[in-house]
Amino acid sequence: MDLSTPATKSDIAETRADLLHDIVETRAELVQVKADLLQNLADARADILKWTIGVIVAAVAISTVIVIGAMLALIRVVGHQ
């Protein structure tokens, strides 16, 4: 493009059309990125929930085993006296 000559209406219209096209593409990309981020967030929440439930179940199981073990030990100690 020669900068020594003034822009014509067609040059301005072409530039405007190019800019509008770029804006539409950028908006579409942003919508896709937002959807991807929301999906990743939902996946992360699901993973955190699974881990939390797993840890709670493991803690309950360990506590149950400890309580039963303590009761059996107490029965042995009390039963021998």
Protein backbone atom coordinates (compact mmCIF):
# COMPACT_ATOMS: atom_id res chain seq x y z
CA MET A 1 0.00 0.00 0.00
CA ASP A 2 1.36 3.39 -0.95
CA LEU A 3 1.16 5.81 1.99
CA SER A 4 1.73 8.89 -0.14
CA THR A 5 -1.76 8.74 -1.64
CA PRO A 6 -4.90 9.28 0.45
CA ALA A 7 -7.11 6.30 1.20
CA THR A 8 -10.15 5.83 -0.96
CA LYS A 9 -13.59 4.86 0.22
CA SER A 10 -13.04 1.36 -1.10
CA ASP A 11 -9.75 1.11 0.88
CA ILE A 12 -11.55 2.15 4.04
CA ALA A 13 -14.44 -0.24 3.35
CA GLU A 14 -12.00 -3.10 2.72
CA THR A 15 -10.10 -2.35 5.92
CA ARG A 16 -13.34 -2.12 7.87
CA ALA A 17 -14.53 -5.46 6.46
CA ASP A 18 -11.21 -7.07 7.38
CA LEU A 19 -11.40 -5.69 10.91
CA LEU A 20 -14.99 -6.84 11.36
CA HIS A 21 -14.02 -10.30 10.11
CA ASP A 22 -11.13 -10.41 12.59
CA ILE A 23 -13.45 -9.30 15.42
CA VAL A 24 -15.95 -12.06 14.59
CA GLU A 25 -13.16 -14.67 14.49
CA THR A 26 -11.72 -13.45 17.79
CA ARG A 27 -15.13 -13.56 19.47
CA ALA A 28 -15.69 -17.10 18.21
CA GLU A 29 -12.28 -18.15 19.54
CA LEU A 30 -13.06 -16.55 22.91
CA VAL A 31 -16.35 -18.41 23.14
CA GLN A 32 -14.52 -21.68 22.42
CA VAL A 33 -11.82 -20.92 25.00
CA LYS A 34 -14.51 -20.09 27.58
CA ALA A 35 -16.30 -23.37 26.86
CA ASP A 36 -13.01 -25.29 27.19
CA LEU A 37 -12.21 -23.59 30.48
CA LEU A 38 -15.66 -24.30 31.89
CA GLN A 39 -15.33 -27.96 30.86
CA ASN A 40 -11.90 -28.19 32.50
CA LEU A 41 -13.32 -26.60 35.65
CA ALA A 42 -16.17 -29.09 35.74
CA ASP A 43 -13.70 -31.96 35.28
CA ALA A 44 -11.52 -30.62 38.09
CA ARG A 45 -14.53 -30.33 40.40
CA ALA A 46 -15.51 -33.91 39.65
CA ASP A 47 -11.97 -35.13 40.35
CA ILE A 48 -11.84 -33.21 43.64
CA LEU A 49 -15.21 -34.66 44.66
CA LYS A 50 -14.06 -38.21 43.86
CA TRP A 51 -10.86 -37.74 45.87
CA THR A 52 -12.76 -36.22 48.80
CA ILE A 53 -15.23 -39.09 48.92
CA GLY A 54 -12.38 -41.59 48.63
CA VAL A 55 -10.49 -40.01 51.51
CA ILE A 56 -13.61 -39.95 53.69
CA VAL A 57 -14.37 -43.61 52.95
CA ALA A 58 -10.73 -44.56 53.69
CA ALA A 59 -10.79 -42.62 56.97
CA VAL A 60 -14.04 -44.31 58.03
CA ALA A 61 -12.64 -47.73 57.12
CA ILE A 62 -9.41 -47.11 59.04
CA SER A 63 -11.32 -45.82 62.06
CA THR A 64 -13.60 -48.85 61.99
CA VAL A 65 -10.64 -51.23 61.91
CA ILE A 66 -8.97 -49.38 64.78
CA VAL A 67 -12.13 -49.43 66.92
CA ILE A 68 -12.74 -53.14 66.25
CA GLY A 69 -9.09 -53.90 67.01
CA ALA A 70 -9.25 -51.96 70.25
CA MET A 71 -12.45 -53.75 71.25
CA LEU A 72 -10.90 -57.16 70.56
CA ALA A 73 -7.80 -56.23 72.54
CA LEU A 74 -9.96 -55.05 75.42
CA ILE A 75 -11.99 -58.27 75.34
CA ARG A 76 -8.77 -60.32 75.50
CA VAL A 77 -7.43 -58.26 78.40
CA VAL A 78 -10.69 -58.30 80.34
CA GLY A 79 -11.38 -61.97 79.53
CA HIS A 80 -8.08 -63.17 81.03
CA GLN A 81 -8.68 -61.59 84.45
